[in-house]
């Protein structure tokens, strides 16, 4: 931030008399809310600091360091007594009156846009440091930034006021667009790479599956080997690695013998291999369908990531944040997505749909597209009421991952206790509500 921009920002912020909410929303970003419409983000990245203004959105990450707890407890719902820019450097100071159940006190919230020592510092009225975003020791600067230490003044520097008047609202909007574009690009890249790895792995597994015909041949081969070995046990010596003999039609045949298996159990070994091949031939189509559904799921996810025009659209697909409950056990029974802090499970095939129904609790919300086969979606409630925005977002995901055709879809949802399972993942359900989701047309992808 330039000195002139801070002066313009200071004048702009003087219209407010209260900070309703203060919270760290990124590793280097502090959000201040002065009303119910916008939030002001103070990006304190070294060498790239800026301030932006954006419409208020749900917080996607929770920080619990001492600085964060004090920032929220002291600054939230504080009265603004003064806002000023220090004349000797790019430092914006909020003088605040905050109160708790014990006392009313005056504190200073100081944003220092000072290059490599960019920082956010909480001070008492005697300029004693309460806490800071970054601690700085004597070996790095003459100004020690530690709780309980008096904050020294910055050296005097001559600041040049710009000739042109800064349009601060345009600047705040420009900063937000720039930050959003950069964040969107980075998140897209990271999510696409992670999703692509899963897609490629499943795709490779799918095309490595043997065909029913090849498994049938494998069954016949091992069955023949078992019969020939049993007929020639008297010719097999200990430690033989192969058996050269004739098959039952008089043709020469060489059978590689298994290692570490006694001679009298070699026939059993080949019959077991034949049985496995036969069972796999019967069930390989199920495995193929499951893999195909997962490949299709990740293909759709890649398309949704690529089509996203804002970071908010990508938040559900981002990894679980530290403030959310950790999984007790890693599971691959469904795709896990987070919507505004609520855990959402999406079935990617019939097997996973059935599994979700068995895992869901009575008051969890279940949803499905009305009248057509679709992914089952479960919203974990922990007996809490679910916001309408979460219901709508989950219903959209249900449609997105169930069909690639544009149109209007009716998505039914109800509590799990009103869903009765039948064969496969088919269900009967009552006490449901319906939400209409419109899926826009998408371009044909190669």
Protein backbone atom coordinates (compact mmCIF):
# COMPACT_ATOMS: atom_id res chain seq x y z
CA UNK A 1 0.00 0.00 0.00
CA UNK A 2 1.25 3.47 -0.88
CA UNK A 3 1.13 6.31 1.60
CA UNK A 4 -1.44 8.25 -0.44
CA UNK A 5 -3.66 5.19 -0.71
CA UNK A 6 -3.61 4.78 3.07
CA UNK A 7 -4.61 8.43 3.53
CA UNK A 8 -7.57 7.88 1.17
CA UNK A 9 -8.47 4.66 2.98
CA UNK A 10 -8.33 6.39 6.37
CA UNK A 11 -10.77 9.07 5.18
CA UNK A 12 -13.07 6.42 3.73
CA UNK A 13 -13.14 4.37 6.95
CA UNK A 14 -13.92 7.41 9.14
CA UNK A 15 -17.59 7.01 8.13
CA UNK A 16 -17.83 3.98 10.46
CA UNK A 17 -18.08 4.08 14.24
CA UNK A 18 -17.95 0.35 15.10
CA UNK A 19 -16.02 -2.77 14.13
CA UNK A 20 -18.60 -5.55 14.41
CA UNK A 21 -16.30 -8.42 13.53
CA UNK A 22 -12.54 -8.93 13.30
CA UNK A 23 -11.12 -12.26 12.19
CA UNK A 24 -8.11 -13.72 10.42
CA UNK A 25 -9.43 -15.38 7.25
CA UNK A 26 -6.13 -16.33 5.62
CA UNK A 27 -2.55 -16.96 6.64
CA UNK A 28 -1.78 -13.26 6.09
CA UNK A 29 -5.25 -11.70 5.82
CA UNK A 30 -7.36 -10.01 8.49
CA UNK A 31 -11.01 -9.20 7.82
CA UNK A 32 -12.84 -6.26 9.42
CA UNK A 33 -16.60 -5.82 9.14
CA UNK A 34 -18.03 -2.37 9.78
CA UNK A 35 -21.58 -3.08 8.59
CA UNK A 36 -23.69 -5.99 7.33
CA UNK A 37 -22.83 -5.54 3.65
CA UNK A 38 -19.07 -5.54 3.06
CA UNK A 39 -15.91 -6.86 4.64
CA UNK A 40 -12.53 -5.19 4.31
CA UNK A 41 -9.65 -7.57 3.85
CA UNK A 42 -6.20 -6.43 4.99
CA UNK A 43 -3.73 -8.61 3.09
CA UNK A 44 -0.47 -8.40 5.03
CA UNK A 45 1.75 -10.52 2.78
CA UNK A 46 5.32 -9.22 2.85
CA UNK A 47 5.99 -7.10 -0.21
CA UNK A 48 2.47 -7.63 -1.58
CA UNK A 49 0.24 -5.96 1.02
CA UNK A 50 -3.10 -4.47 0.01
CA UNK A 51 -6.61 -3.76 1.24
CA UNK A 52 -9.74 -4.86 -0.60
CA UNK A 53 -13.49 -4.66 -0.10
CA UNK A 54 -15.79 -7.56 -0.89
CA UNK A 55 -19.36 -8.69 -0.16
CA UNK A 56 -19.53 -10.58 3.11
CA UNK A 57 -19.27 -14.36 2.79
CA UNK A 58 -19.16 -17.27 5.27
CA UNK A 59 -15.72 -17.81 6.78
CA UNK A 60 -14.07 -20.85 5.22
CA UNK A 61 -11.20 -21.28 7.66
CA UNK A 62 -10.70 -20.97 11.40
CA UNK A 63 -7.45 -19.86 13.09
CA UNK A 64 -6.86 -20.43 16.81
CA UNK A 65 -3.46 -18.89 17.55
CA UNK A 66 -3.24 -16.48 20.53
CA UNK A 67 -3.27 -13.56 18.08
CA UNK A 68 -6.53 -14.77 16.54
CA UNK A 69 -8.31 -15.27 19.85
CA UNK A 70 -7.29 -11.82 21.10
CA UNK A 71 -8.09 -10.16 17.78
CA UNK A 72 -11.64 -11.51 17.88
CA UNK A 73 -12.26 -10.95 21.59
CA UNK A 74 -10.81 -7.42 21.77
CA UNK A 75 -11.66 -5.92 18.38
CA UNK A 76 -15.06 -7.45 17.57
CA UNK A 77 -17.88 -5.13 18.67
CA UNK A 78 -15.42 -2.38 19.55
CA UNK A 79 -16.16 1.33 19.21
CA UNK A 80 -13.90 3.32 16.88
CA UNK A 81 -12.45 6.34 18.67
CA UNK A 82 -10.00 7.38 15.96
CA UNK A 83 -8.37 6.22 12.72
CA UNK A 84 -5.11 7.75 11.58
CA UNK A 85 -2.12 7.17 9.33
CA UNK A 86 1.21 7.72 11.03
CA UNK A 87 2.98 10.67 9.39
CA UNK A 88 6.33 8.90 9.31
CA UNK A 89 5.40 5.64 7.59
CA UNK A 90 2.73 3.48 5.95
CA UNK A 91 0.99 2.53 9.18
CA UNK A 92 -2.78 2.62 9.73
CA UNK A 93 -3.90 2.83 13.38
CA UNK A 94 -7.34 2.17 14.81
CA UNK A 95 -7.86 3.46 18.33
CA UNK A 96 -10.68 1.39 19.78
CA UNK A 97 -12.76 1.19 22.92
CA UNK A 98 -13.55 -2.38 23.80
CA UNK A 99 -15.37 -3.80 26.78
CA UNK A 100 -15.92 -7.17 28.37
CA UNK A 101 -17.68 -8.32 31.52
CA UNK A 102 -14.88 -6.91 33.68
CA UNK A 103 -13.82 -3.54 32.25
CA UNK A 104 -13.74 -1.01 29.44
CA UNK A 105 -10.32 -0.52 27.87
CA UNK A 106 -8.69 1.36 25.05
CA UNK A 107 -6.59 -0.59 22.59
CA UNK A 108 -4.82 0.10 19.29
CA UNK A 109 -5.09 -2.10 16.21
CA UNK A 110 -2.10 -1.24 14.03
CA UNK A 111 -1.61 -2.34 10.42
CA UNK A 112 1.99 -1.83 9.30
CA UNK A 113 2.46 -1.91 5.51
CA UNK A 114 6.24 -1.68 5.82
CA UNK A 115 7.76 -4.11 3.33
CA UNK A 116 9.52 -7.10 4.84
CA UNK A 117 8.30 -6.22 8.36
CA UNK A 118 4.63 -5.92 7.35
CA UNK A 119 2.58 -6.81 10.42
CA UNK A 120 -0.64 -6.50 12.41
CA UNK A 121 -0.12 -5.50 16.04
CA UNK A 122 -2.49 -5.21 19.02
CA UNK A 123 -1.38 -2.61 21.60
CA UNK A 124 -2.70 -1.25 24.85
CA UNK A 125 -3.04 2.50 25.38
CA UNK A 126 0.55 2.66 26.69
CA UNK A 127 1.87 1.10 23.45
CA UNK A 128 2.68 -2.20 25.16
CA UNK A 129 2.27 -5.06 22.70
CA UNK A 130 -0.65 -7.34 23.52
CA UNK A 131 -0.09 -9.70 20.56
CA UNK A 132 0.96 -9.60 16.91
CA UNK A 133 0.46 -11.54 13.70
CA UNK A 134 4.24 -11.98 13.44
CA UNK A 135 6.75 -11.95 16.27
CA UNK A 136 10.10 -10.32 15.49
CA UNK A 137 13.24 -10.84 17.56
CA UNK A 138 16.17 -8.49 18.14
CA UNK A 139 18.31 -10.37 15.62
CA UNK A 140 15.99 -9.37 12.78
CA UNK A 141 15.05 -5.79 13.67
CA UNK A 142 15.68 -3.10 16.27
CA UNK A 143 11.92 -3.23 16.98
CA UNK A 144 11.17 -6.33 19.03
CA UNK A 145 7.61 -7.53 18.44
CA UNK A 146 6.68 -9.68 21.40
CA UNK A 147 3.79 -9.59 23.92
CA UNK A 148 4.60 -7.42 26.92
CA UNK A 149 7.25 -5.36 25.08
CA UNK A 150 6.88 -1.64 24.44
CA UNK A 151 6.59 -0.93 20.73
CA UNK A 152 9.30 1.43 19.52
CA UNK A 153 8.52 4.12 16.96
CA UNK A 154 9.53 3.64 13.38
CA UNK A 155 12.32 5.90 12.09
CA UNK A 156 11.12 9.11 10.50
CA UNK A 157 10.65 8.87 6.75
CA UNK A 158 9.62 11.49 4.31
CA UNK A 159 6.39 10.52 2.60
CA UNK A 160 5.31 12.00 -0.72
CA UNK A 161 1.65 12.71 -1.24
CA UNK A 162 0.42 11.86 -4.76
CA UNK A 163 -0.69 14.66 -7.04
CA UNK A 164 -3.75 12.74 -8.21
CA UNK A 165 -6.57 12.07 -5.75
CA UNK A 166 -6.98 8.36 -5.08
CA UNK A 167 -10.45 6.93 -5.79
CA UNK A 168 -10.34 4.52 -2.88
CA UNK A 169 -13.53 2.61 -3.73
CA UNK A 170 -12.26 1.86 -7.24
CA UNK A 171 -8.90 0.81 -5.77
CA UNK A 172 -10.51 -1.49 -3.20
CA UNK A 173 -12.62 -3.10 -5.93
CA UNK A 174 -9.62 -3.45 -8.25
CA UNK A 175 -7.58 -5.07 -5.47
CA UNK A 176 -10.38 -7.53 -4.80
CA UNK A 177 -10.70 -8.51 -8.47
CA UNK A 178 -6.94 -8.96 -8.73
CA UNK A 179 -6.78 -11.05 -5.56
CA UNK A 180 -9.80 -13.13 -6.56
CA UNK A 181 -8.38 -13.83 -10.03
CA UNK A 182 -5.05 -14.92 -8.57
CA UNK A 183 -6.67 -17.07 -5.88
CA UNK A 184 -9.06 -18.61 -8.40
CA UNK A 185 -6.19 -19.53 -10.71
CA UNK A 186 -4.13 -21.09 -7.89
CA UNK A 187 -7.05 -23.04 -6.42
CA UNK A 188 -8.07 -24.30 -9.85
CA UNK A 189 -4.55 -25.49 -10.55
CA UNK A 190 -4.19 -27.28 -7.20
CA UNK A 191 -7.64 -28.89 -7.31
CA UNK A 192 -7.27 -29.91 -10.95
CA UNK A 193 -3.90 -31.54 -10.31
CA UNK A 194 -5.21 -33.48 -7.29
CA UNK A 195 -8.38 -34.54 -9.09
CA UNK A 196 -6.52 -35.44 -12.27
CA UNK A 197 -4.30 -37.84 -10.30
CA UNK A 198 -7.37 -39.65 -8.95
CA UNK A 199 -8.99 -39.68 -12.40
CA UNK A 200 -5.86 -41.06 -14.09
CA UNK A 201 -5.40 -43.74 -11.42
CA UNK A 202 -9.00 -44.96 -11.75
CA UNK A 203 -8.87 -44.70 -15.54
CA UNK A 204 -5.75 -46.89 -15.56
CA UNK A 205 -7.42 -49.43 -13.26
CA UNK A 206 -10.51 -49.49 -15.47
CA UNK A 207 -8.59 -50.28 -18.64
CA UNK A 208 -6.42 -52.85 -16.88
CA UNK A 209 -9.44 -54.96 -15.94
CA UNK A 210 -9.42 -58.29 -17.75
CA UNK A 211 -12.33 -59.18 -20.00
CA UNK A 212 -14.83 -61.92 -19.19
CA UNK A 213 -13.50 -63.93 -22.13
CA UNK A 214 -9.88 -63.76 -20.95
CA UNK A 215 -10.92 -64.76 -17.43
CA UNK A 216 -12.86 -67.71 -18.82
CA UNK A 217 -9.71 -68.85 -20.68
CA UNK A 218 -7.73 -68.40 -17.46
CA UNK A 219 -10.26 -70.55 -15.61
CA UNK A 220 -10.02 -73.30 -18.25
CA UNK A 221 -6.21 -73.17 -18.23
CA UNK A 222 -5.84 -73.49 -14.45
CA UNK A 223 -8.50 -76.18 -14.30
CA UNK A 224 -6.60 -78.17 -16.93
CA UNK A 225 -3.31 -77.60 -15.11
CA UNK A 226 -4.80 -78.89 -11.87
CA UNK A 227 -6.09 -82.06 -13.51
CA UNK A 228 -2.77 -82.74 -15.29
CA UNK A 229 -0.75 -82.14 -12.10
CA UNK A 230 -2.96 -84.55 -10.13
CA UNK A 231 -2.49 -87.18 -12.83
CA UNK A 232 1.28 -86.72 -12.73
CA UNK A 233 2.02 -86.29 -9.02
CA UNK A 234 4.21 -89.40 -9.05
CA UNK A 235 6.45 -87.75 -11.68
CA UNK A 236 6.96 -84.48 -9.78
CA UNK A 237 10.02 -84.37 -7.57
CA UNK A 238 10.67 -81.98 -4.70
CA UNK A 239 11.98 -78.59 -5.90
CA UNK A 240 10.90 -79.16 -9.52
CA UNK A 241 10.07 -75.80 -11.09
CA UNK A 242 8.18 -77.13 -14.10
CA UNK A 243 6.32 -80.20 -15.30
CA UNK A 244 6.84 -81.38 -18.89
CA UNK A 245 4.27 -83.92 -19.95
CA UNK A 246 1.33 -84.49 -22.33
CA UNK A 247 -2.18 -83.12 -21.95
CA UNK A 248 -5.25 -85.37 -22.22
CA UNK A 249 -5.22 -85.03 -26.01
CA UNK A 250 -1.61 -86.16 -26.31
CA UNK A 251 -0.09 -82.72 -26.90
CA UNK A 252 3.19 -81.72 -25.24
CA UNK A 253 2.67 -79.23 -22.41
CA UNK A 254 4.94 -77.43 -19.93
CA UNK A 255 3.44 -76.25 -16.62
CA UNK A 256 5.35 -73.86 -14.39
CA UNK A 257 5.00 -75.14 -10.84
CA UNK A 258 4.39 -72.81 -7.86
CA UNK A 259 7.20 -72.25 -5.39
CA UNK A 260 6.96 -72.99 -1.68
CA UNK A 261 4.00 -75.35 -2.12
CA UNK A 262 4.31 -79.05 -1.35
CA UNK A 263 3.88 -81.48 -4.22
CA UNK A 264 0.70 -83.04 -2.85
CA UNK A 265 -1.00 -79.60 -2.74
CA UNK A 266 -0.08 -78.38 -6.24
CA UNK A 267 -3.30 -79.66 -7.78
CA UNK A 268 -5.29 -77.83 -5.10
CA UNK A 269 -3.32 -74.65 -5.89
CA UNK A 270 -4.29 -74.68 -9.58
CA UNK A 271 -7.94 -75.51 -8.85
CA UNK A 272 -8.02 -72.55 -6.40
CA UNK A 273 -6.60 -70.28 -9.11
CA UNK A 274 -9.25 -71.59 -11.51
CA UNK A 275 -12.01 -70.88 -8.98
CA UNK A 276 -10.73 -67.31 -8.46
CA UNK A 277 -10.69 -66.68 -12.22
CA UNK A 278 -14.23 -68.04 -12.56
CA UNK A 279 -15.54 -65.88 -9.68
CA UNK A 280 -13.79 -62.82 -11.09
CA UNK A 281 -15.35 -63.50 -14.51
CA UNK A 282 -18.78 -63.49 -12.87
CA UNK A 283 -18.19 -60.25 -10.94
CA UNK A 284 -15.80 -58.26 -13.14
CA UNK A 285 -18.70 -56.38 -14.74
CA UNK A 286 -19.66 -55.03 -11.30
CA UNK A 287 -16.12 -53.83 -10.68
CA UNK A 288 -16.08 -52.29 -14.16
CA UNK A 289 -19.36 -50.42 -13.52
CA UNK A 290 -18.07 -49.12 -10.17
CA UNK A 291 -14.84 -47.88 -11.74
CA UNK A 292 -16.69 -46.35 -14.69
CA UNK A 293 -18.98 -44.44 -12.31
CA UNK A 294 -16.00 -43.12 -10.34
CA UNK A 295 -14.16 -42.13 -13.53
CA UNK A 296 -17.31 -40.31 -14.67
CA UNK A 297 -17.58 -38.62 -11.27
CA UNK A 298 -14.04 -37.22 -11.41
CA UNK A 299 -14.50 -36.21 -15.05
CA UNK A 300 -17.51 -34.14 -13.97
CA UNK A 301 -15.54 -32.72 -11.05
CA UNK A 302 -12.74 -31.65 -13.40
CA UNK A 303 -15.30 -29.91 -15.60
CA UNK A 304 -16.88 -28.11 -12.61
CA UNK A 305 -13.43 -26.94 -11.47
CA UNK A 306 -12.57 -25.73 -14.96
CA UNK A 307 -15.92 -23.89 -15.33
CA UNK A 308 -15.75 -22.15 -11.92
CA UNK A 309 -15.70 -18.36 -12.10
CA UNK A 310 -15.21 -17.63 -8.39
CA UNK A 311 -13.41 -19.15 -5.41
CA UNK A 312 -16.77 -19.61 -3.62
CA UNK A 313 -17.75 -22.17 -6.28
CA UNK A 314 -14.60 -24.17 -5.50
CA UNK A 315 -14.76 -24.10 -1.69
CA UNK A 316 -16.88 -27.32 -1.49
CA UNK A 317 -14.17 -29.25 -3.32
CA UNK A 318 -11.24 -27.97 -1.28
CA UNK A 319 -9.55 -30.18 1.36
CA UNK A 320 -10.99 -30.22 4.87
CA UNK A 321 -9.93 -27.23 6.96
CA UNK A 322 -8.30 -27.44 10.36
CA UNK A 323 -11.34 -25.98 12.08
CA UNK A 324 -13.58 -28.79 10.93
CA UNK A 325 -13.87 -32.15 12.65
CA UNK A 326 -11.28 -34.66 11.51
CA UNK A 327 -12.38 -38.00 10.16
CA UNK A 328 -12.06 -40.82 12.69
CA UNK A 329 -11.46 -43.26 9.87
CA UNK A 330 -10.51 -42.66 6.28
CA UNK A 331 -13.20 -44.02 3.98
CA UNK A 332 -13.60 -44.49 0.26
CA UNK A 333 -17.34 -45.21 0.47
CA UNK A 334 -18.27 -41.83 -1.01
CA UNK A 335 -17.01 -38.42 -2.04
CA UNK A 336 -16.82 -36.06 0.95
CA UNK A 337 -17.55 -32.37 0.36
CA UNK A 338 -17.95 -29.52 2.83
CA UNK A 339 -20.66 -26.87 2.44
CA UNK A 340 -20.55 -24.00 4.93
CA UNK A 341 -19.09 -26.35 7.52
CA UNK A 342 -21.61 -29.16 6.91
CA UNK A 343 -20.28 -32.54 5.80
CA UNK A 344 -21.90 -33.76 2.58
CA UNK A 345 -21.46 -37.31 1.23
CA UNK A 346 -22.10 -38.11 -2.44
CA UNK A 347 -22.54 -41.66 -3.70
CA UNK A 348 -20.73 -42.29 -6.97
CA UNK A 349 -22.43 -45.58 -7.88
CA UNK A 350 -25.08 -48.07 -6.68
CA UNK A 351 -22.72 -49.67 -4.19
CA UNK A 352 -21.83 -46.33 -2.58
CA UNK A 353 -25.47 -45.17 -2.62
CA UNK A 354 -26.41 -48.29 -0.67
CA UNK A 355 -23.50 -47.81 1.72
CA UNK A 356 -24.50 -44.18 2.39
CA UNK A 357 -27.97 -45.27 3.43
CA UNK A 358 -26.50 -47.69 5.96
CA UNK A 359 -24.10 -45.08 7.37
CA UNK A 360 -26.55 -42.18 7.63
CA UNK A 361 -28.19 -41.38 10.97
CA UNK A 362 -31.91 -40.88 11.43
CA UNK A 363 -31.84 -37.06 11.29
CA UNK A 364 -29.31 -36.72 8.48
CA UNK A 365 -30.77 -35.24 5.29
CA UNK A 366 -31.02 -37.55 2.27
CA UNK A 367 -31.65 -36.32 -1.28
CA UNK A 368 -32.15 -37.78 -4.74
CA UNK A 369 -33.38 -36.58 -8.16
CA UNK A 370 -37.07 -37.31 -8.45
CA UNK A 371 -38.07 -40.15 -10.73
CA UNK A 372 -34.68 -40.97 -12.29
CA UNK A 373 -31.53 -42.86 -11.22
CA UNK A 374 -29.11 -40.47 -9.55
CA UNK A 375 -26.43 -40.10 -6.93
CA UNK A 376 -27.65 -40.26 -3.36
CA UNK A 377 -26.56 -37.31 -1.24
CA UNK A 378 -26.37 -37.28 2.55
CA UNK A 379 -25.97 -34.09 4.60
CA UNK A 380 -24.70 -34.82 8.12
CA UNK A 381 -26.75 -32.71 10.52
CA UNK A 382 -25.60 -33.57 14.05
CA UNK A 383 -29.27 -32.88 14.87
CA UNK A 384 -28.94 -29.26 13.72
CA UNK A 385 -31.25 -27.51 11.26
CA UNK A 386 -29.68 -27.15 7.81
CA UNK A 387 -29.62 -23.69 6.16
CA UNK A 388 -31.50 -23.38 2.89
CA UNK A 389 -28.29 -22.35 1.12
CA UNK A 390 -26.69 -25.71 2.04
CA UNK A 391 -29.76 -27.64 0.85
CA UNK A 392 -29.66 -25.79 -2.49
CA UNK A 393 -25.91 -26.28 -2.96
CA UNK A 394 -26.14 -29.98 -2.10
CA UNK A 395 -29.07 -30.43 -4.50
CA UNK A 396 -27.05 -28.78 -7.26
CA UNK A 397 -24.18 -31.19 -6.60
CA UNK A 398 -26.68 -34.08 -6.73
CA UNK A 399 -27.72 -32.96 -10.22
CA UNK A 400 -24.22 -32.10 -11.43
CA UNK A 401 -22.86 -35.54 -10.52
CA UNK A 402 -25.89 -37.46 -11.81
CA UNK A 403 -26.38 -36.09 -15.31
CA UNK A 404 -24.63 -34.03 -17.96
CA UNK A 405 -27.89 -33.01 -19.65
CA UNK A 406 -29.21 -29.47 -19.26
CA UNK A 407 -32.69 -28.88 -17.93
CA UNK A 408 -34.81 -28.47 -14.81
CA UNK A 409 -34.60 -31.24 -12.22
CA UNK A 410 -36.72 -31.88 -9.15
CA UNK A 411 -34.58 -32.96 -6.21
CA UNK A 412 -36.45 -34.55 -3.30
CA UNK A 413 -35.00 -34.41 0.21
CA UNK A 414 -36.08 -35.74 3.59
CA UNK A 415 -34.65 -37.10 6.81
CA UNK A 416 -32.96 -40.48 6.57
CA UNK A 417 -35.50 -42.00 8.98
CA UNK A 418 -38.20 -41.49 6.34
CA UNK A 419 -36.27 -43.47 3.70
CA UNK A 420 -36.91 -47.21 3.38
CA UNK A 421 -34.37 -49.27 1.47
CA UNK A 422 -35.37 -51.95 -1.04
CA UNK A 423 -33.29 -54.02 -3.45
CA UNK A 424 -29.95 -52.57 -4.58
CA UNK A 425 -30.04 -48.83 -3.75
CA UNK A 426 -33.74 -48.42 -4.59
CA UNK A 427 -35.79 -46.68 -1.92
CA UNK A 428 -39.25 -45.56 -0.88
CA UNK A 429 -39.49 -42.27 1.01
CA UNK A 430 -42.07 -40.02 2.64
CA UNK A 431 -42.33 -36.62 4.37
CA UNK A 432 -40.15 -35.09 1.66
CA UNK A 433 -39.74 -31.65 0.21
CA UNK A 434 -38.72 -30.79 -3.35
CA UNK A 435 -36.34 -28.18 -4.70
CA UNK A 436 -36.00 -27.37 -8.42
CA UNK A 437 -32.45 -27.13 -9.76
CA UNK A 438 -31.71 -25.75 -13.21
CA UNK A 439 -28.67 -27.20 -14.93
CA UNK A 440 -27.31 -24.94 -17.62
CA UNK A 441 -26.15 -26.33 -20.95
CA UNK A 442 -22.45 -27.06 -21.25
CA UNK A 443 -20.23 -27.24 -24.27
CA UNK A 444 -19.44 -30.63 -25.77
CA UNK A 445 -16.13 -31.77 -24.38
CA UNK A 446 -13.70 -34.04 -26.16
